Amino acid sequence: FIDNTGQPEVISQGYKMVGERGRLVLVGVPGADKSTSLHTLPLHFGKQIIGTTGGEAEPHRDIARYMGLARARGLALSRLITEIAPLAQVNRLIDGMRSGRTAGRCLVDFSLAA
């Protein structure tokens, strides 16, 4: 289970969902005032919680650099996106990809109204 939210409730649910030798990977970081409580006995029998780091990434610098490279090389990245939809339609996008009706990549645009 990979948690990108950093929400204690999601972390707790993910921990409960993984099997006895499962792995919970934490990408999102809870706020300093947030915490969660976990039953730790399963950790002694193979269940794992792993935190990730961003490595050397600096998004405020890197995204602009990648966009510049894409423009300089004339990469038509927009052709890779086959559909753009608001968050309210994310399940429809996923269903389309799973069923094969949607070929390519879908983009969830959080600025679009449902």
Protein backbone atom coordinates (compact mmCIF):
# COMPACT_ATOMS: atom_id res chain seq x y z
CA PHE A 1 0.00 0.00 0.00
CA ILE A 2 1.44 3.37 -0.97
CA ASP A 3 0.14 6.43 0.85
CA ASN A 4 0.65 9.76 -0.86
CA THR A 5 -1.76 11.73 1.32
CA GLY A 6 0.01 11.96 4.66
CA GLN A 7 -3.41 11.74 6.30
CA PRO A 8 -3.27 9.71 9.55
CA GLU A 9 -6.60 8.01 8.75
CA VAL A 10 -5.31 6.82 5.37
CA ILE A 11 -2.03 5.63 6.88
CA SER A 12 -3.92 3.65 9.52
CA GLN A 13 -6.25 2.15 6.91
CA GLY A 14 -3.30 1.22 4.68
CA TYR A 15 -1.55 -0.48 7.59
CA LYS A 16 -4.68 -2.55 8.26
CA MET A 17 -5.08 -3.43 4.57
CA VAL A 18 -1.63 -4.89 3.92
CA GLY A 19 -1.10 -8.57 4.66
CA GLU A 20 0.92 -10.02 7.50
CA ARG A 21 4.12 -9.67 5.44
CA GLY A 22 2.88 -6.63 3.53
CA ARG A 23 4.52 -3.28 3.13
CA LEU A 24 3.12 0.19 3.82
CA VAL A 25 5.09 2.86 1.93
CA LEU A 26 4.72 6.43 3.17
CA VAL A 27 5.25 9.13 0.57
CA GLY A 28 2.99 11.82 2.02
CA VAL A 29 4.02 13.46 5.26
CA PRO A 30 1.51 14.26 8.00
CA GLY A 31 1.56 17.73 9.53
CA ALA A 32 3.64 18.15 12.67
CA ASP A 33 0.45 18.24 14.74
CA LYS A 34 -0.86 14.93 13.30
CA SER A 35 -0.16 11.38 14.47
CA THR A 36 -1.55 7.89 14.15
CA SER A 37 -1.61 4.89 16.42
CA LEU A 38 -0.67 1.43 15.12
CA HIS A 39 -0.60 -2.03 16.64
CA THR A 40 3.12 -2.85 16.31
CA LEU A 41 3.12 -6.61 16.93
CA PRO A 42 2.77 -7.41 13.19
CA LEU A 43 6.05 -5.55 12.59
CA HIS A 44 7.84 -8.31 14.50
CA PHE A 45 6.48 -10.88 12.06
CA GLY A 46 7.29 -9.29 8.74
CA LYS A 47 4.90 -6.39 8.18
CA GLN A 48 6.87 -3.31 7.12
CA ILE A 49 6.43 0.45 7.18
CA ILE A 50 8.81 2.29 4.90
CA GLY A 51 9.23 6.03 4.51
CA THR A 52 10.44 7.52 1.24
CA THR A 53 12.42 10.62 0.47
CA GLY A 54 12.41 12.85 -2.54
CA GLY A 55 16.04 12.07 -3.23
CA GLU A 56 17.80 14.97 -4.86
CA ALA A 57 14.59 16.33 -6.37
CA GLU A 58 13.83 20.02 -6.04
CA PRO A 59 10.43 20.40 -7.72
CA HIS A 60 10.50 24.21 -7.74
CA ARG A 61 13.66 23.99 -9.85
CA ASP A 62 13.28 20.65 -11.65
CA ILE A 63 9.80 21.06 -13.15
CA ALA A 64 10.80 24.30 -14.89
CA ARG A 65 13.96 22.60 -16.15
CA TYR A 66 12.04 19.61 -17.53
CA MET A 67 9.53 21.89 -19.23
CA GLY A 68 12.40 23.84 -20.81
CA LEU A 69 13.95 20.62 -22.11
CA ALA A 70 10.61 19.51 -23.53
CA ARG A 71 10.14 22.84 -25.34
CA ALA A 72 13.72 22.97 -26.65
CA ARG A 73 13.46 19.50 -28.13
CA GLY A 74 9.99 20.08 -29.51
CA LEU A 75 8.49 17.24 -27.52
CA ALA A 76 4.74 17.10 -27.99
CA LEU A 77 4.00 15.84 -24.50
CA SER A 78 0.36 16.84 -24.77
CA ARG A 79 -0.11 14.04 -27.32
CA LEU A 80 0.57 11.54 -24.53
CA ILE A 81 -2.53 12.72 -22.65
CA THR A 82 -5.67 11.18 -24.08
CA GLU A 83 -8.20 12.66 -21.67
CA ILE A 84 -8.43 15.43 -19.08
CA ALA A 85 -11.17 15.40 -16.46
CA PRO A 86 -12.00 16.88 -13.04
CA LEU A 87 -11.38 14.95 -9.83
CA ALA A 88 -15.07 14.06 -9.60
CA GLN A 89 -14.61 11.86 -12.70
CA VAL A 90 -11.48 10.01 -11.57
CA ASN A 91 -13.32 6.69 -11.19
CA ARG A 92 -14.58 6.94 -14.77
CA LEU A 93 -11.01 7.58 -15.97
CA ILE A 94 -9.70 4.57 -14.05
CA ASP A 95 -12.50 2.34 -15.35
CA GLY A 96 -11.69 3.43 -18.90
CA MET A 97 -8.02 2.53 -18.50
CA ARG A 98 -8.78 -0.80 -16.84
CA SER A 99 -11.26 -1.82 -19.53
CA GLY A 100 -9.00 -0.74 -22.38
CA ARG A 101 -11.45 1.91 -23.65
CA THR A 102 -8.85 4.57 -22.87
CA ALA A 103 -5.46 4.15 -24.50
CA GLY A 104 -2.75 6.45 -23.20
CA ARG A 105 -2.70 8.60 -20.12
CA CYS A 106 -5.41 10.46 -18.30
CA LEU A 107 -4.85 13.68 -16.42
CA VAL A 108 -6.88 14.79 -13.42
CA ASP A 109 -7.14 18.58 -13.50
CA PHE A 110 -7.96 19.82 -10.01
CA SER A 111 -8.86 23.26 -11.34
CA LEU A 112 -11.80 21.93 -13.37
CA ALA A 113 -15.25 22.06 -11.84
CA ALA A 114 -17.20 18.81 -11.59
